[in-house]
N, C-alpha and C. Protein backbone atom coordinates (compact mmCIF):
# COMPACT_ATOMS: atom_id res chain seq x y z
N MET A 1 -4.20 -40.58 -32.77
CA MET A 1 -4.49 -39.60 -31.75
C MET A 1 -5.81 -39.91 -31.08
N SER A 2 -5.84 -39.70 -29.77
CA SER A 2 -7.10 -39.92 -29.08
C SER A 2 -7.91 -38.63 -29.05
N ALA A 3 -9.19 -38.76 -28.93
CA ALA A 3 -10.08 -37.61 -28.99
C ALA A 3 -10.06 -36.78 -27.72
N ASP A 4 -9.63 -37.34 -26.56
CA ASP A 4 -9.66 -36.61 -25.31
C ASP A 4 -8.44 -35.74 -25.08
N LYS A 5 -7.43 -35.78 -25.93
CA LYS A 5 -6.26 -34.90 -25.80
C LYS A 5 -6.49 -33.63 -26.61
N PRO A 6 -6.34 -32.44 -25.97
CA PRO A 6 -6.53 -31.20 -26.75
C PRO A 6 -5.41 -31.00 -27.75
N ILE A 7 -5.74 -30.38 -28.83
CA ILE A 7 -4.75 -30.09 -29.87
C ILE A 7 -3.89 -28.93 -29.38
N GLN A 8 -2.57 -29.12 -29.41
CA GLN A 8 -1.65 -28.09 -28.93
C GLN A 8 -1.52 -27.01 -30.01
N GLN A 9 -1.75 -25.78 -29.60
CA GLN A 9 -1.66 -24.67 -30.54
C GLN A 9 -0.21 -24.23 -30.68
N ASP A 10 0.07 -23.53 -31.76
CA ASP A 10 1.40 -23.01 -32.02
C ASP A 10 1.74 -21.95 -30.98
N LYS A 11 2.85 -22.12 -30.25
CA LYS A 11 3.21 -21.21 -29.15
C LYS A 11 4.30 -20.22 -29.54
N ARG A 12 4.61 -20.12 -30.81
CA ARG A 12 5.65 -19.18 -31.22
C ARG A 12 5.18 -17.75 -31.03
N MET A 13 6.10 -16.89 -30.58
CA MET A 13 5.79 -15.48 -30.37
C MET A 13 5.92 -14.69 -31.67
N TYR A 14 6.66 -15.19 -32.61
CA TYR A 14 6.96 -14.44 -33.82
C TYR A 14 6.32 -15.10 -35.02
N ASP A 15 5.89 -14.27 -35.96
CA ASP A 15 5.29 -14.80 -37.18
C ASP A 15 6.34 -15.38 -38.12
N ASN A 16 7.55 -14.81 -38.06
CA ASN A 16 8.60 -15.36 -38.91
C ASN A 16 9.94 -15.30 -38.19
N HIS A 17 10.91 -15.98 -38.71
CA HIS A 17 12.23 -16.07 -38.07
C HIS A 17 12.99 -14.75 -38.14
N LYS A 18 12.68 -13.91 -39.11
CA LYS A 18 13.37 -12.63 -39.25
C LYS A 18 13.12 -11.73 -38.03
N GLU A 19 11.88 -11.67 -37.56
CA GLU A 19 11.56 -10.87 -36.37
C GLU A 19 12.32 -11.38 -35.15
N HIS A 20 12.37 -12.69 -35.01
CA HIS A 20 13.07 -13.29 -33.88
C HIS A 20 14.57 -12.96 -33.94
N GLY A 21 15.13 -13.02 -35.13
CA GLY A 21 16.54 -12.70 -35.31
C GLY A 21 16.85 -11.24 -34.99
N GLU A 22 15.93 -10.35 -35.37
CA GLU A 22 16.12 -8.93 -35.07
C GLU A 22 16.11 -8.69 -33.56
N ASP A 23 15.22 -9.34 -32.85
CA ASP A 23 15.18 -9.18 -31.39
C ASP A 23 16.45 -9.71 -30.75
N LEU A 24 16.95 -10.82 -31.23
CA LEU A 24 18.19 -11.38 -30.68
C LEU A 24 19.38 -10.47 -30.93
N SER A 25 19.36 -9.73 -32.04
CA SER A 25 20.49 -8.85 -32.34
C SER A 25 20.58 -7.70 -31.35
N TYR A 26 19.47 -7.31 -30.74
CA TYR A 26 19.47 -6.23 -29.76
C TYR A 26 19.64 -6.73 -28.33
N GLU A 27 19.61 -8.03 -28.15
CA GLU A 27 19.59 -8.60 -26.80
C GLU A 27 20.81 -8.22 -25.96
N ASN A 28 21.99 -8.20 -26.53
CA ASN A 28 23.20 -7.93 -25.77
C ASN A 28 23.68 -6.49 -25.90
N GLU A 29 22.85 -5.65 -26.48
CA GLU A 29 23.25 -4.27 -26.67
C GLU A 29 23.12 -3.51 -25.35
N GLN A 30 24.12 -2.73 -25.04
CA GLN A 30 24.09 -1.91 -23.84
C GLN A 30 24.21 -0.46 -24.27
N SER A 31 23.41 0.38 -23.63
CA SER A 31 23.49 1.80 -23.99
C SER A 31 23.98 2.58 -22.79
N MET A 32 24.84 3.51 -23.05
CA MET A 32 25.38 4.35 -21.99
C MET A 32 25.35 5.79 -22.48
N VAL A 33 24.84 6.67 -21.65
CA VAL A 33 24.73 8.07 -22.02
C VAL A 33 25.75 8.85 -21.20
N THR A 34 26.46 9.74 -21.87
CA THR A 34 27.44 10.58 -21.18
C THR A 34 26.91 12.01 -21.15
N ILE A 35 26.84 12.57 -19.94
CA ILE A 35 26.40 13.95 -19.80
C ILE A 35 27.42 14.70 -18.95
N PRO A 36 27.48 16.01 -19.09
CA PRO A 36 28.41 16.79 -18.28
C PRO A 36 28.04 16.70 -16.79
N LEU A 37 29.04 16.87 -15.94
CA LEU A 37 28.84 16.76 -14.50
C LEU A 37 27.85 17.81 -13.98
N LYS A 38 27.91 19.03 -14.53
CA LYS A 38 26.97 20.08 -14.11
C LYS A 38 25.52 19.67 -14.39
N GLU A 39 25.31 19.08 -15.56
CA GLU A 39 23.96 18.65 -15.93
C GLU A 39 23.50 17.50 -15.02
N TYR A 40 24.42 16.62 -14.69
CA TYR A 40 24.11 15.52 -13.77
C TYR A 40 23.71 16.06 -12.40
N ASP A 41 24.47 17.03 -11.89
CA ASP A 41 24.15 17.63 -10.59
C ASP A 41 22.78 18.31 -10.61
N LYS A 42 22.48 18.96 -11.73
CA LYS A 42 21.19 19.64 -11.87
C LYS A 42 20.05 18.61 -11.86
N LEU A 43 20.22 17.50 -12.57
CA LEU A 43 19.21 16.45 -12.58
C LEU A 43 19.07 15.81 -11.21
N LYS A 44 20.20 15.64 -10.51
CA LYS A 44 20.19 15.05 -9.17
C LYS A 44 19.42 15.97 -8.21
N ASP A 45 19.61 17.29 -8.32
CA ASP A 45 18.89 18.23 -7.48
C ASP A 45 17.39 18.21 -7.76
N GLN A 46 17.02 18.05 -9.03
CA GLN A 46 15.61 18.01 -9.39
C GLN A 46 14.90 16.80 -8.80
N SER A 47 15.63 15.72 -8.55
CA SER A 47 15.02 14.51 -8.01
C SER A 47 14.59 14.68 -6.56
N LYS A 48 15.01 15.78 -5.92
CA LYS A 48 14.62 16.04 -4.53
C LYS A 48 13.23 16.65 -4.43
N TYR A 49 12.66 17.07 -5.55
CA TYR A 49 11.39 17.79 -5.55
C TYR A 49 10.32 16.99 -6.28
N ILE A 50 9.07 17.19 -5.87
CA ILE A 50 7.94 16.56 -6.54
C ILE A 50 7.49 17.49 -7.66
N THR A 51 7.46 16.98 -8.87
CA THR A 51 7.10 17.81 -10.01
C THR A 51 5.87 17.29 -10.76
N ASP A 52 5.37 16.13 -10.40
CA ASP A 52 4.21 15.55 -11.07
C ASP A 52 2.94 16.29 -10.64
N ASP A 53 2.22 16.85 -11.61
CA ASP A 53 1.03 17.65 -11.31
C ASP A 53 -0.05 16.84 -10.59
N THR A 54 -0.23 15.60 -10.97
CA THR A 54 -1.24 14.76 -10.33
C THR A 54 -0.91 14.52 -8.87
N LEU A 55 0.35 14.23 -8.60
CA LEU A 55 0.79 14.00 -7.23
C LEU A 55 0.69 15.28 -6.39
N ILE A 56 1.05 16.39 -6.98
CA ILE A 56 0.95 17.68 -6.28
C ILE A 56 -0.49 17.98 -5.91
N SER A 57 -1.42 17.75 -6.82
CA SER A 57 -2.83 18.02 -6.52
C SER A 57 -3.35 17.07 -5.44
N ALA A 58 -2.89 15.82 -5.43
CA ALA A 58 -3.30 14.88 -4.38
C ALA A 58 -2.77 15.34 -3.02
N ILE A 59 -1.54 15.80 -2.98
CA ILE A 59 -0.95 16.30 -1.73
C ILE A 59 -1.70 17.54 -1.24
N ASP A 60 -2.07 18.43 -2.16
CA ASP A 60 -2.84 19.61 -1.80
C ASP A 60 -4.19 19.23 -1.20
N LYS A 61 -4.83 18.22 -1.79
CA LYS A 61 -6.13 17.76 -1.30
C LYS A 61 -5.98 17.16 0.10
N ILE A 62 -4.93 16.39 0.32
CA ILE A 62 -4.67 15.82 1.65
C ILE A 62 -4.46 16.94 2.66
N GLU A 63 -3.69 17.95 2.26
CA GLU A 63 -3.45 19.09 3.15
C GLU A 63 -4.77 19.78 3.52
N PHE A 64 -5.66 19.95 2.55
CA PHE A 64 -6.95 20.56 2.79
C PHE A 64 -7.75 19.76 3.82
N PHE A 65 -7.79 18.42 3.64
CA PHE A 65 -8.56 17.58 4.55
C PHE A 65 -7.96 17.55 5.95
N VAL A 66 -6.65 17.59 6.04
CA VAL A 66 -6.00 17.64 7.36
C VAL A 66 -6.38 18.93 8.08
N LYS A 67 -6.39 20.04 7.37
CA LYS A 67 -6.79 21.32 7.98
C LYS A 67 -8.24 21.27 8.44
N GLU A 68 -9.11 20.64 7.64
CA GLU A 68 -10.51 20.51 8.03
C GLU A 68 -10.66 19.64 9.28
N LEU A 69 -9.89 18.57 9.35
CA LEU A 69 -9.95 17.69 10.53
C LEU A 69 -9.44 18.39 11.78
N ARG A 70 -8.43 19.22 11.64
CA ARG A 70 -7.87 19.93 12.80
C ARG A 70 -8.89 20.87 13.43
N LYS A 71 -9.84 21.36 12.64
CA LYS A 71 -10.87 22.25 13.18
C LYS A 71 -11.76 21.52 14.20
N HIS A 72 -11.83 20.20 14.10
CA HIS A 72 -12.71 19.41 14.94
C HIS A 72 -11.99 18.77 16.12
N ILE A 73 -10.73 19.05 16.29
CA ILE A 73 -9.97 18.52 17.41
C ILE A 73 -10.15 19.43 18.61
N VAL A 74 -10.57 18.84 19.72
CA VAL A 74 -10.72 19.58 20.96
C VAL A 74 -9.74 18.99 21.96
N ARG A 75 -8.78 19.79 22.39
CA ARG A 75 -7.79 19.32 23.36
C ARG A 75 -8.21 19.76 24.76
N LYS A 76 -8.26 18.80 25.65
CA LYS A 76 -8.61 19.11 27.04
C LYS A 76 -7.39 18.82 27.91
N PHE A 77 -6.99 19.79 28.67
CA PHE A 77 -5.80 19.63 29.51
C PHE A 77 -6.15 19.45 30.94
């Protein structure tokens, strides 16, 4: 070996073959959830509304600043 070539480190992601085998066993697994149609419709309706508290507070702050900016608008006709 020459001194100018770096030593290649072990690139394995797993410490042992058992962990790798367990991951492979889940690789082709597919999960499907069945829910009643009424529940699906209810969930679909909820997706039309913003429910995240952080996002709601950001929207409220934007609304406040827009109202403040409108006070400074002078329209000349």
